C-alpha atoms as a PDB file:
ATOM      1  CA  MET A   1     -19.305  27.985   6.063  1.00  0.00           C
ATOM      2  CA  ASP A   2     -19.452  24.533   7.615  1.00  0.00           C
ATOM      3  CA  ALA A   3     -16.700  23.108   5.399  1.00  0.00           C
ATOM      4  CA  PRO A   4     -13.732  24.380   7.491  1.00  0.00           C
ATOM      5  CA  VAL A   5     -15.355  23.160  10.702  1.00  0.00           C
ATOM      6  CA  ASP A   6     -16.016  19.734   9.166  1.00  0.00           C
ATOM      7  CA  LEU A   7     -12.444  19.602   7.889  1.00  0.00           C
ATOM      8  CA  VAL A   8     -10.959  20.378  11.299  1.00  0.00           C
ATOM      9  CA  GLN A   9     -13.316  17.929  12.989  1.00  0.00           C
ATOM     10  CA  SER A  10     -12.348  15.197  10.521  1.00  0.00           C
ATOM     11  CA  ALA A  11      -8.642  15.963  10.975  1.00  0.00           C
ATOM     12  CA  ILE A  12      -8.865  15.774  14.760  1.00  0.00           C
ATOM     13  CA  LEU A  13     -10.876  12.564  14.632  1.00  0.00           C
ATOM     14  CA  THR A  14      -8.366  10.994  12.226  1.00  0.00           C
ATOM     15  CA  ALA A  15      -5.463  12.019  14.463  1.00  0.00           C
ATOM     16  CA  LEU A  16      -7.174  10.502  17.499  1.00  0.00           C
ATOM     17  CA  VAL A  17      -7.973   7.257  15.686  1.00  0.00           C
ATOM     18  CA  VAL A  18      -4.399   6.924  14.425  1.00  0.00           C
ATOM     19  CA  ALA A  19      -2.792   7.756  17.784  1.00  0.00           C
ATOM     20  CA  ALA A  20      -5.174   5.815  20.039  1.00  0.00           C
ATOM     21  CA  PRO A  21      -3.692   2.302  19.651  1.00  0.00           C
ATOM     22  CA  VAL A  22      -0.153   3.451  20.462  1.00  0.00           C
ATOM     23  CA  LEU A  23      -1.386   5.494  23.421  1.00  0.00           C
ATOM     24  CA  LEU A  24      -3.389   2.522  24.676  1.00  0.00           C
ATOM     25  CA  VAL A  25      -0.297   0.314  24.484  1.00  0.00           C
ATOM     26  CA  ALA A  26       1.683   2.932  26.428  1.00  0.00           C
ATOM     27  CA  VAL A  27      -0.994   3.110  29.133  1.00  0.00           C
ATOM     28  CA  VAL A  28      -1.232  -0.670  29.522  1.00  0.00           C
ATOM     29  CA  VAL A  29       2.538  -1.157  29.639  1.00  0.00           C
ATOM     30  CA  GLY A  30       2.856   1.781  32.047  1.00  0.00           C
ATOM     31  CA  LEU A  31       0.292   0.266  34.389  1.00  0.00           C
ATOM     32  CA  LEU A  32       1.966  -3.139  34.258  1.00  0.00           C
ATOM     33  CA  THR A  33       5.401  -1.684  34.981  1.00  0.00           C
ATOM     34  CA  ALA A  34       3.957   0.430  37.804  1.00  0.00           C
ATOM     35  CA  VAL A  35       2.478  -2.687  39.393  1.00  0.00           C
ATOM     36  CA  ALA A  36       5.781  -4.522  38.963  1.00  0.00           C
ATOM     37  CA  GLN A  37       7.687  -1.598  40.488  1.00  0.00           C
ATOM     38  CA  ALA A  38       5.306  -1.448  43.426  1.00  0.00           C
ATOM     39  CA  ALA A  39       5.606  -5.180  44.011  1.00  0.00           C
ATOM     40  CA  THR A  40       9.407  -5.218  43.808  1.00  0.00           C
ATOM     41  CA  GLN A  41       9.992  -1.753  45.298  1.00  0.00           C
ATOM     42  CA  VAL A  42      12.368  -0.891  42.446  1.00  0.00           C
ATOM     43  CA  GLN A  43      11.851   2.803  41.702  1.00  0.00           C
ATOM     44  CA  ASP A  44      14.236   3.343  38.797  1.00  0.00           C
ATOM     45  CA  GLN A  45      13.069   5.588  35.942  1.00  0.00           C
ATOM     46  CA  ALA A  46      14.605   3.318  33.305  1.00  0.00           C
ATOM     47  CA  VAL A  47      12.454   0.420  34.490  1.00  0.00           C
ATOM     48  CA  SER A  48       9.323   2.342  33.529  1.00  0.00           C
ATOM     49  CA  ALA A  49      10.626   4.142  30.433  1.00  0.00           C
ATOM     50  CA  VAL A  50      12.351   1.354  28.515  1.00  0.00           C
ATOM     51  CA  PRO A  51       9.400  -1.080  28.363  1.00  0.00           C
ATOM     52  CA  LYS A  52       7.083   1.722  27.229  1.00  0.00           C
ATOM     53  CA  LEU A  53       9.510   2.786  24.496  1.00  0.00           C
ATOM     54  CA  VAL A  54       9.935  -0.776  23.269  1.00  0.00           C
ATOM     55  CA  ALA A  55       6.198  -1.514  23.359  1.00  0.00           C
ATOM     56  CA  CYS A  56       5.296   1.724  21.572  1.00  0.00           C
ATOM     57  CA  GLY A  57       7.961   1.097  18.953  1.00  0.00           C
ATOM     58  CA  LEU A  58       6.631  -2.403  18.333  1.00  0.00           C
ATOM     59  CA  ALA A  59       3.063  -1.094  18.181  1.00  0.00           C
ATOM     60  CA  VAL A  60       4.072   1.480  15.580  1.00  0.00           C
ATOM     61  CA  LEU A  61       5.860  -1.186  13.537  1.00  0.00           C
ATOM     62  CA  VAL A  62       2.886  -3.551  13.688  1.00  0.00           C
ATOM     63  CA  LEU A  63       0.260  -0.884  13.034  1.00  0.00           C
ATOM     64  CA  ALA A  64       2.194   1.256  10.543  1.00  0.00           C
ATOM     65  CA  GLY A  65       0.356  -0.082   7.506  1.00  0.00           C
ATOM     66  CA  TRP A  66      -3.031   0.551   9.064  1.00  0.00           C
ATOM     67  CA  MET A  67      -2.007   4.014  10.246  1.00  0.00           C
ATOM     68  CA  VAL A  68      -0.712   5.002   6.814  1.00  0.00           C
ATOM     69  CA  SER A  69      -3.861   3.703   5.131  1.00  0.00           C
ATOM     70  CA  LYS A  70      -6.008   5.829   7.472  1.00  0.00           C
ATOM     71  CA  LEU A  71      -3.903   8.910   6.755  1.00  0.00           C
ATOM     72  CA  VAL A  72      -3.910   8.290   2.998  1.00  0.00           C
ATOM     73  CA  SER A  73      -7.679   7.855   3.085  1.00  0.00           C
ATOM     74  CA  PHE A  74      -8.028  11.171   4.913  1.00  0.00           C
ATOM     75  CA  ALA A  75      -5.711  12.901   2.427  1.00  0.00           C
ATOM     76  CA  GLN A  76      -7.653  11.499  -0.526  1.00  0.00           C
ATOM     77  CA  GLN A  77     -10.933  12.748   0.971  1.00  0.00           C
ATOM     78  CA  LEU A  78      -9.297  16.104   1.607  1.00  0.00           C
ATOM     79  CA  PHE A  79      -8.026  16.487  -1.963  1.00  0.00           C
ATOM     80  CA  ALA A  80     -11.280  15.189  -3.412  1.00  0.00           C
ATOM     81  CA  GLY A  81     -13.062  18.126  -1.799  1.00  0.00           C
ATOM     82  CA  VAL A  82     -10.784  20.725  -3.405  1.00  0.00           C
ATOM     83  CA  PRO A  83     -12.534  22.354  -6.384  1.00  0.00           C
END
């Protein structure tokens, strides 16, 4: 009876671990652009959106191998548990 709960818990934890670096990059870049906007008083939406998109895209490109290896490891563990 604990197997489905463990499976869901493992899936959520894997999703959080895979998504966390990109989300952290988005938060840091968002804070830096917010400080820059406050200092320059430029309140354009593109000024905050474009750097976050570029930074998140670069983070995904840099971390793609690690992310895929984590997901493949989870899938292998998942299929190994199937009788």
